[in-house]
Protein backbone atom coordinates (compact mmCIF):
# COMPACT_ATOMS: atom_id res chain seq x y z
CA UNK A 1 105.67 120.24 121.85
CA UNK A 2 103.62 122.68 119.57
CA UNK A 3 100.93 121.28 117.74
CA UNK A 4 101.59 120.92 113.98
CA UNK A 5 98.89 122.16 111.66
CA UNK A 6 99.45 121.92 108.07
CA UNK A 7 96.85 122.80 105.48
CA UNK A 8 97.03 120.35 102.59
CA UNK A 9 93.99 121.27 100.65
CA UNK A 10 92.93 124.65 99.63
CA UNK A 11 89.39 124.93 101.36
CA UNK A 12 89.20 128.89 100.56
CA UNK A 13 89.46 128.55 96.75
CA UNK A 14 86.90 130.90 95.16
CA UNK A 15 84.83 129.79 92.17
CA UNK A 16 85.90 130.92 88.88
CA UNK A 17 83.86 133.91 87.31
CA UNK A 18 82.01 133.12 84.16
CA UNK A 19 82.11 136.29 82.01
CA UNK A 20 78.88 137.94 80.94
CA UNK A 21 79.64 137.17 77.24
CA UNK A 22 80.41 133.65 75.89
CA UNK A 23 83.98 133.35 74.47
CA UNK A 24 84.98 130.59 72.03
CA UNK A 25 88.73 129.40 72.27
CA UNK A 26 90.89 130.86 69.55
CA UNK A 27 94.04 128.58 70.26
CA UNK A 28 96.27 131.23 71.62
CA UNK A 29 95.85 132.55 75.08
CA UNK A 30 98.15 135.04 76.69
CA UNK A 31 98.74 135.93 80.29
CA UNK A 32 99.32 139.36 81.58
CA UNK A 33 103.08 138.74 81.06
CA UNK A 34 102.74 137.71 77.59
CA UNK A 35 103.28 133.94 78.33
CA UNK A 36 101.02 131.60 76.34
CA UNK A 37 99.38 128.52 77.78
CA UNK A 38 100.90 125.58 76.44
CA UNK A 39 100.80 123.03 79.30
CA UNK A 40 98.21 121.54 81.68
CA UNK A 41 99.29 119.16 84.70
CA UNK A 42 96.41 117.10 85.96
CA UNK A 43 96.56 115.67 89.41
CA UNK A 44 94.54 112.38 89.33
CA UNK A 45 94.98 111.63 93.20
CA UNK A 46 96.18 113.06 96.25
CA UNK A 47 97.44 109.44 97.56
CA UNK A 48 101.06 108.12 97.39
CA UNK A 49 102.60 105.00 98.67
CA UNK A 50 105.93 106.83 99.33
CA UNK A 51 106.62 109.36 102.02
CA UNK A 52 109.42 111.46 100.59
CA UNK A 53 110.87 113.77 103.03
CA UNK A 54 110.44 116.65 100.54
CA UNK A 55 106.85 116.15 99.53
CA UNK A 56 104.79 113.99 101.74
CA UNK A 57 106.71 113.51 105.22
CA UNK A 58 105.39 110.88 107.32
CA UNK A 59 104.86 112.98 110.43
CA UNK A 60 102.29 114.90 108.44
CA UNK A 61 100.97 112.21 106.22
CA UNK A 62 100.51 109.49 108.91
CA UNK A 63 97.98 106.71 109.24
CA UNK A 64 95.43 108.82 110.35
CA UNK A 65 95.58 111.51 107.61
CA UNK A 66 92.38 112.03 105.89
CA UNK A 67 92.57 111.78 102.04
CA UNK A 68 89.80 113.30 99.63
CA UNK A 69 86.83 110.94 99.30
CA UNK A 70 86.15 109.60 95.81
CA UNK A 71 83.26 111.82 95.36
CA UNK A 72 85.43 114.90 95.71
CA UNK A 73 87.75 113.89 92.90
CA UNK A 74 87.04 114.91 89.28
CA UNK A 75 85.72 112.07 87.28
CA UNK A 76 87.29 110.71 84.15
CA UNK A 77 84.66 112.20 82.05
CA UNK A 78 85.04 115.58 83.97
CA UNK A 79 88.82 115.54 83.37
CA UNK A 80 88.36 114.76 79.48
CA UNK A 81 85.80 117.50 79.08
CA UNK A 82 88.06 120.31 80.80
CA UNK A 83 91.07 118.71 78.85
CA UNK A 84 89.12 119.35 75.73
CA UNK A 85 88.67 122.96 76.42
CA UNK A 86 92.25 123.50 77.45
CA UNK A 87 93.49 121.94 74.15
CA UNK A 88 91.30 124.19 72.26
CA UNK A 89 93.02 127.30 74.07
CA UNK A 90 96.14 126.08 72.79
CA UNK A 91 97.53 123.52 75.29
CA UNK A 92 99.61 121.01 73.56
CA UNK A 93 101.00 118.99 76.57
CA UNK A 94 99.08 117.16 79.13
CA UNK A 95 100.78 115.79 82.06
CA UNK A 96 99.14 113.39 84.59
CA UNK A 97 100.49 113.54 88.17
CA UNK A 98 99.61 113.19 91.58
CA UNK A 99 100.30 112.04 94.33
CA UNK A 100 101.30 108.90 92.65
CA UNK A 101 98.99 108.63 89.56
CA UNK A 102 99.29 105.02 88.87
CA UNK A 103 97.22 104.54 92.15
CA UNK A 104 94.12 105.85 90.42
CA UNK A 105 92.02 103.04 89.60
CA UNK A 106 91.54 102.39 85.86
CA UNK A 107 93.98 105.03 84.72
CA UNK A 108 94.51 103.81 81.50
CA UNK A 109 90.76 104.45 80.58
CA UNK A 110 91.50 107.96 81.18
CA UNK A 111 94.82 107.98 78.92
CA UNK A 112 92.68 106.50 76.15
CA UNK A 113 90.10 109.39 76.66
CA UNK A 114 92.73 112.12 76.50
CA UNK A 115 94.48 110.50 73.64
CA UNK A 116 91.41 110.85 71.33
CA UNK A 117 91.39 114.55 71.82
CA UNK A 118 91.78 116.37 68.48
CA UNK A 119 94.11 119.61 68.58
CA UNK A 120 93.57 122.50 66.47
CA UNK A 121 96.93 121.99 64.44
CA UNK A 122 95.98 118.25 63.90
CA UNK A 123 99.27 117.28 65.73
CA UNK A 124 98.72 114.72 68.33
CA UNK A 125 98.91 115.89 72.02
CA UNK A 126 102.09 115.23 74.11
CA UNK A 127 100.70 113.06 76.80
CA UNK A 128 102.95 112.33 79.73
CA UNK A 129 103.04 110.99 83.22
CA UNK A 130 105.08 111.63 86.26
CA UNK A 131 105.45 108.54 88.66
CA UNK A 132 107.68 107.16 91.50
CA UNK A 133 108.19 104.14 89.45
CA UNK A 134 106.72 101.60 92.09
CA UNK A 135 104.05 100.33 89.96
CA UNK A 136 105.65 100.82 86.57
CA UNK A 137 106.89 97.37 85.84
CA UNK A 138 103.51 95.96 85.98
CA UNK A 139 101.57 98.90 84.30
CA UNK A 140 104.02 100.25 81.62
CA UNK A 141 102.63 98.10 78.65
CA UNK A 142 99.06 98.87 79.35
CA UNK A 143 99.80 102.60 79.62
CA UNK A 144 101.41 102.56 76.33
CA UNK A 145 98.61 100.47 75.00
CA UNK A 146 96.22 103.14 76.17
CA UNK A 147 98.07 105.99 74.31
CA UNK A 148 100.66 107.40 76.83
CA UNK A 149 103.89 108.77 75.12
CA UNK A 150 106.26 108.81 77.81
CA UNK A 151 106.94 108.81 81.42
CA UNK A 152 109.04 111.00 83.90
CA UNK A 153 110.27 108.76 87.00
CA UNK A 154 111.53 110.19 90.31
CA UNK A 155 114.57 108.52 91.79
CA UNK A 156 116.46 110.41 94.64
CA UNK A 157 119.34 108.09 94.91
CA UNK A 158 120.99 104.85 93.55
CA UNK A 159 122.29 103.61 96.93
CA UNK A 160 119.64 101.46 98.36
CA UNK A 161 119.92 102.76 102.02
CA UNK A 162 119.72 106.40 100.94
CA UNK A 163 116.92 105.80 98.44
CA UNK A 164 114.73 104.23 101.31
CA UNK A 165 115.73 107.10 103.69
CA UNK A 166 114.31 109.49 100.97
CA UNK A 167 111.13 107.53 100.34
CA UNK A 168 110.69 106.41 103.96
CA UNK A 169 108.79 103.31 103.11
CA UNK A 170 111.49 100.96 102.65
CA UNK A 171 111.14 100.64 98.85
CA UNK A 172 114.13 99.36 96.84
CA UNK A 173 115.86 101.03 94.09
CA UNK A 174 115.85 97.82 92.17
CA UNK A 175 112.21 97.93 91.77
CA UNK A 176 112.19 101.40 90.44
CA UNK A 177 114.98 100.57 87.84
CA UNK A 178 112.94 97.49 86.74
CA UNK A 179 110.01 99.74 86.22
CA UNK A 180 112.09 102.07 84.21
CA UNK A 181 113.38 99.37 82.07
CA UNK A 182 109.90 97.99 81.43
CA UNK A 183 108.72 101.44 80.46
CA UNK A 184 111.60 101.63 77.91
CA UNK A 185 110.69 98.20 76.63
CA UNK A 186 107.16 99.20 76.32
CA UNK A 187 108.23 102.08 74.19
CA UNK A 188 107.36 105.00 76.82
CA UNK A 189 110.28 107.36 75.77
CA UNK A 190 112.43 109.31 75.96
CA UNK A 191 112.27 108.50 79.66
CA UNK A 192 113.39 111.30 82.22
CA UNK A 193 114.68 110.46 85.35
CA UNK A 194 114.11 113.36 88.15
CA UNK A 195 116.32 113.49 91.07
CA UNK A 196 115.50 116.07 93.88
CA UNK A 197 118.91 117.07 95.42
CA UNK A 198 118.65 117.95 98.98
CA UNK A 199 122.07 119.46 100.31
CA UNK A 200 123.53 117.42 103.07
CA UNK A 201 121.09 114.52 102.60
CA UNK A 202 121.56 112.89 99.13
CA UNK A 203 124.00 115.15 97.31
CA UNK A 204 126.51 112.49 97.52
CA UNK A 205 124.60 110.53 95.11
CA UNK A 206 124.81 112.91 92.28
CA UNK A 207 127.96 111.39 90.76
CA UNK A 208 126.77 107.82 91.17
CA UNK A 209 123.38 108.73 89.42
CA UNK A 210 125.12 110.41 86.54
CA UNK A 211 127.58 107.62 86.10
CA UNK A 212 124.84 104.93 86.12
CA UNK A 213 122.67 106.86 83.58
CA UNK A 214 125.39 108.08 81.34
CA UNK A 215 125.42 106.33 78.04
CA UNK A 216 121.90 104.93 78.31
CA UNK A 217 118.61 105.91 76.67
CA UNK A 218 117.45 107.84 79.62
CA UNK A 219 117.66 111.58 80.52
CA UNK A 220 118.83 112.39 84.05
CA UNK A 221 117.62 115.61 85.54
CA UNK A 222 118.70 117.23 88.86
CA UNK A 223 116.07 119.40 90.60
CA UNK A 224 116.96 122.04 93.26
CA UNK A 225 115.08 121.36 96.59
CA UNK A 226 112.17 123.71 96.57
CA UNK A 227 110.00 125.40 99.00
CA UNK A 228 106.69 124.06 97.83
CA UNK A 229 103.96 123.99 100.43
CA UNK A 230 104.74 124.11 104.28
CA UNK A 231 105.05 120.50 105.32
CA UNK A 232 108.61 119.62 104.23
CA UNK A 233 110.47 121.97 106.52
CA UNK A 234 112.37 123.60 103.60
CA UNK A 235 115.60 125.59 104.40
CA UNK A 236 117.56 127.51 102.00
CA UNK A 237 120.73 125.81 103.54
CA UNK A 238 119.71 122.83 102.01
CA UNK A 239 119.35 124.14 98.46
CA UNK A 240 122.46 122.80 96.53
CA UNK A 241 122.55 125.16 93.26
CA UNK A 242 122.42 123.50 90.00
CA UNK A 243 125.63 125.18 89.00
CA UNK A 244 127.35 122.99 91.65
CA UNK A 245 125.74 119.91 90.33
CA UNK A 246 127.14 120.65 86.80
CA UNK A 247 130.53 121.64 88.28
CA UNK A 248 130.77 118.16 90.00
CA UNK A 249 129.68 116.16 87.07
CA UNK A 250 131.70 117.97 84.69
CA UNK A 251 134.87 117.67 86.73
CA UNK A 252 134.89 113.87 86.02
CA UNK A 253 132.65 113.75 82.90
CA UNK A 254 132.81 116.93 81.00
CA UNK A 255 129.69 118.54 80.04
CA UNK A 256 128.82 121.02 77.31
CA UNK A 257 125.57 123.11 77.22
CA UNK A 258 123.11 122.59 74.64
CA UNK A 259 119.91 124.73 73.56
CA UNK A 260 116.39 123.99 74.97
CA UNK A 261 114.01 121.80 73.01
CA UNK A 262 111.40 124.71 73.35
CA UNK A 263 110.79 127.80 74.76
CA UNK A 264 109.73 127.40 78.35
CA UNK A 265 111.39 124.30 78.98
CA UNK A 266 112.14 123.97 82.74
CA UNK A 267 115.66 122.03 82.47
CA UNK A 268 118.79 123.49 81.40
CA UNK A 269 120.34 120.97 79.08
CA UNK A 270 123.86 119.73 78.99
CA UNK A 271 125.37 116.96 76.92
CA UNK A 272 128.42 114.78 77.64
CA UNK A 273 131.44 116.06 75.60
CA UNK A 274 132.15 112.39 74.65
CA UNK A 275 128.58 112.12 73.06
CA UNK A 276 127.38 109.70 75.92
CA UNK A 277 123.98 111.34 76.50
CA UNK A 278 122.78 114.30 78.20
CA UNK A 279 121.53 115.66 81.69
CA UNK A 280 119.27 118.39 82.73
CA UNK A 281 119.15 120.81 85.83
CA UNK A 282 116.21 122.63 87.03
CA UNK A 283 116.88 125.50 88.94
CA UNK A 284 113.67 127.21 90.07
CA UNK A 285 115.49 128.49 93.39
CA UNK A 286 118.63 129.88 92.10
CA UNK A 287 117.94 130.55 88.38
CA UNK A 288 114.18 131.30 88.11
CA UNK A 289 112.48 130.72 84.90
CA UNK A 290 109.08 132.12 85.58
CA UNK A 291 109.34 134.44 82.44
CA UNK A 292 108.76 131.56 80.23
CA UNK A 293 106.30 129.51 82.23
CA UNK A 294 103.50 128.26 80.35
CA UNK A 295 102.03 125.76 82.97
CA UNK A 296 98.57 125.54 84.48
CA UNK A 297 97.78 122.99 87.27
CA UNK A 298 94.44 121.14 87.85
CA UNK A 299 94.23 119.74 91.26
CA UNK A 300 92.55 116.37 92.02
CA UNK A 301 89.24 118.03 93.24
CA UNK A 302 89.06 120.44 90.28
CA UNK A 303 90.89 123.67 91.26
CA UNK A 304 93.02 125.51 89.07
CA UNK A 305 96.43 126.80 90.09
CA UNK A 306 98.47 129.27 88.05
CA UNK A 307 101.79 128.70 89.80
CA UNK A 308 103.42 125.87 91.54
CA UNK A 309 103.93 128.08 94.57
CA UNK A 310 100.44 129.30 94.80
CA UNK A 311 98.45 129.95 98.06
CA UNK A 312 95.04 129.23 96.62
CA UNK A 313 93.23 127.78 93.71
CA UNK A 314 90.25 128.56 91.67
CA UNK A 315 87.33 126.40 91.80
CA UNK A 316 86.43 124.76 88.32
CA UNK A 317 84.53 121.92 89.74
CA UNK A 318 81.84 124.08 90.95
CA UNK A 319 81.15 125.31 87.49
CA UNK A 320 81.38 121.74 85.99
CA UNK A 321 78.81 120.42 88.44
CA UNK A 322 76.62 123.45 88.17
CA UNK A 323 76.02 122.25 84.45
CA UNK A 324 77.90 125.36 82.89
CA UNK A 325 78.40 125.07 79.19
CA UNK A 326 81.59 124.51 77.40
CA UNK A 327 81.64 128.16 76.19
CA UNK A 328 81.01 129.37 79.64
CA UNK A 329 84.01 127.06 81.06
CA UNK A 330 86.22 128.40 78.27
CA UNK A 331 85.25 132.05 79.11
CA UNK A 332 86.18 131.36 82.74
CA UNK A 333 89.48 129.76 81.97
CA UNK A 334 90.42 132.35 79.61
CA UNK A 335 89.45 135.10 82.19
CA UNK A 336 91.79 133.48 84.93
CA UNK A 337 94.85 133.12 82.53
CA UNK A 338 94.76 136.57 81.07
CA UNK A 339 95.22 138.13 84.47
CA UNK A 340 97.94 135.67 85.56
CA UNK A 341 101.05 137.60 86.52
CA UNK A 342 102.84 134.99 88.89
CA UNK A 343 106.48 134.95 89.22
CA UNK A 344 107.23 133.61 92.64
CA UNK A 345 110.88 132.13 91.99
CA UNK A 346 111.83 135.43 90.70
CA UNK A 347 110.80 137.43 93.90
CA UNK A 348 111.46 134.49 96.38
CA UNK A 349 113.61 135.62 99.51
CA UNK A 350 114.84 133.65 102.40
CA UNK A 351 112.02 135.58 104.25
CA UNK A 352 109.13 134.93 101.91
CA UNK A 353 110.00 131.25 101.48
CA UNK A 354 109.54 130.68 105.01
CA UNK A 355 106.54 128.58 106.06
CA UNK A 356 105.15 131.13 108.23
CA UNK A 357 105.65 134.02 105.76
CA UNK A 358 102.05 135.06 104.82
CA UNK A 359 99.55 132.53 103.33
CA UNK A 360 100.48 128.97 103.08
CA UNK A 361 101.73 127.70 99.81
CA UNK A 362 99.57 124.48 98.50
CA UNK A 363 101.27 121.30 98.99
CA UNK A 364 103.10 119.55 95.99
CA UNK A 365 101.25 116.27 96.75
CA UNK A 366 98.00 118.15 96.22
CA UNK A 367 98.56 119.71 92.78
CA UNK A 368 101.76 117.61 91.56
CA UNK A 369 105.24 118.97 90.59
């Protein structure tokens, strides 16, 4: 058997360059394709208690896998400082992710720190979190009290056997559903439920999931199986197009398209014709939305990634720990964003998406989805 070597962390990341002249944020930062910086996704841990087949498969992330030491992670104070600079550059939405972010000890303290960041407009930040829901029932109230606005919960099947096959750690659907209800009761909403659809595996759960969440307070979203990283054995044949998801649901529960909430929204929105709620589909494989992407990602150990499918990040932690000023950090961030021209999903082919095609893409568990 050939030895499997998977590069999880980006060890080659260059430091960001600090421009010669200091640069104060103006509240509007545009990349090379005219896209503003609007969203910052912050990974707070590389650990997860699930072993989902499309993200952290057990054969790679086994009991001997070496996670980052705590000293390598950005501290809450470092995250808060960086977030303030990003907000000054125009970021209006902060999403905490992982790994599983609720595994990060005292996460509520970080949420409270981020909640206190003022925005140039005076409007409060949109402060959100993505979770697998395993710890949500016990933490929902504390998250809300700390200042979190809402959560997005991953749930890839309603059938318990299929869900356990997807998470690969024998975790039950009922516990996730309890977490979702606890989040709703705590006022963390609107709550979105994300289902990654892997053709030939869990696509039989599309209609059961749609039926269950129809006429509920929750928004169900279906995500095409993506070629993120190199550890999930991605194959284009396992991608079920979102158009087929919509067709299947609409055949039983008619759907009507509706406008996006804002420019750059990843999900195409559909409402039930009878008024009983809405669904979303995220089609980054078959209907790329790169032209409107306003997201930057900060890894657990302080590397910036300008695309979910990036092959390397840029080391912001090095500048933080060198004692650089806020103006110097601001200039380095602005310089990185201005040259950003990523549009991987628009240029993807079956050949370029192969794990052995050029440099390895960073793993989703390292920078969050």
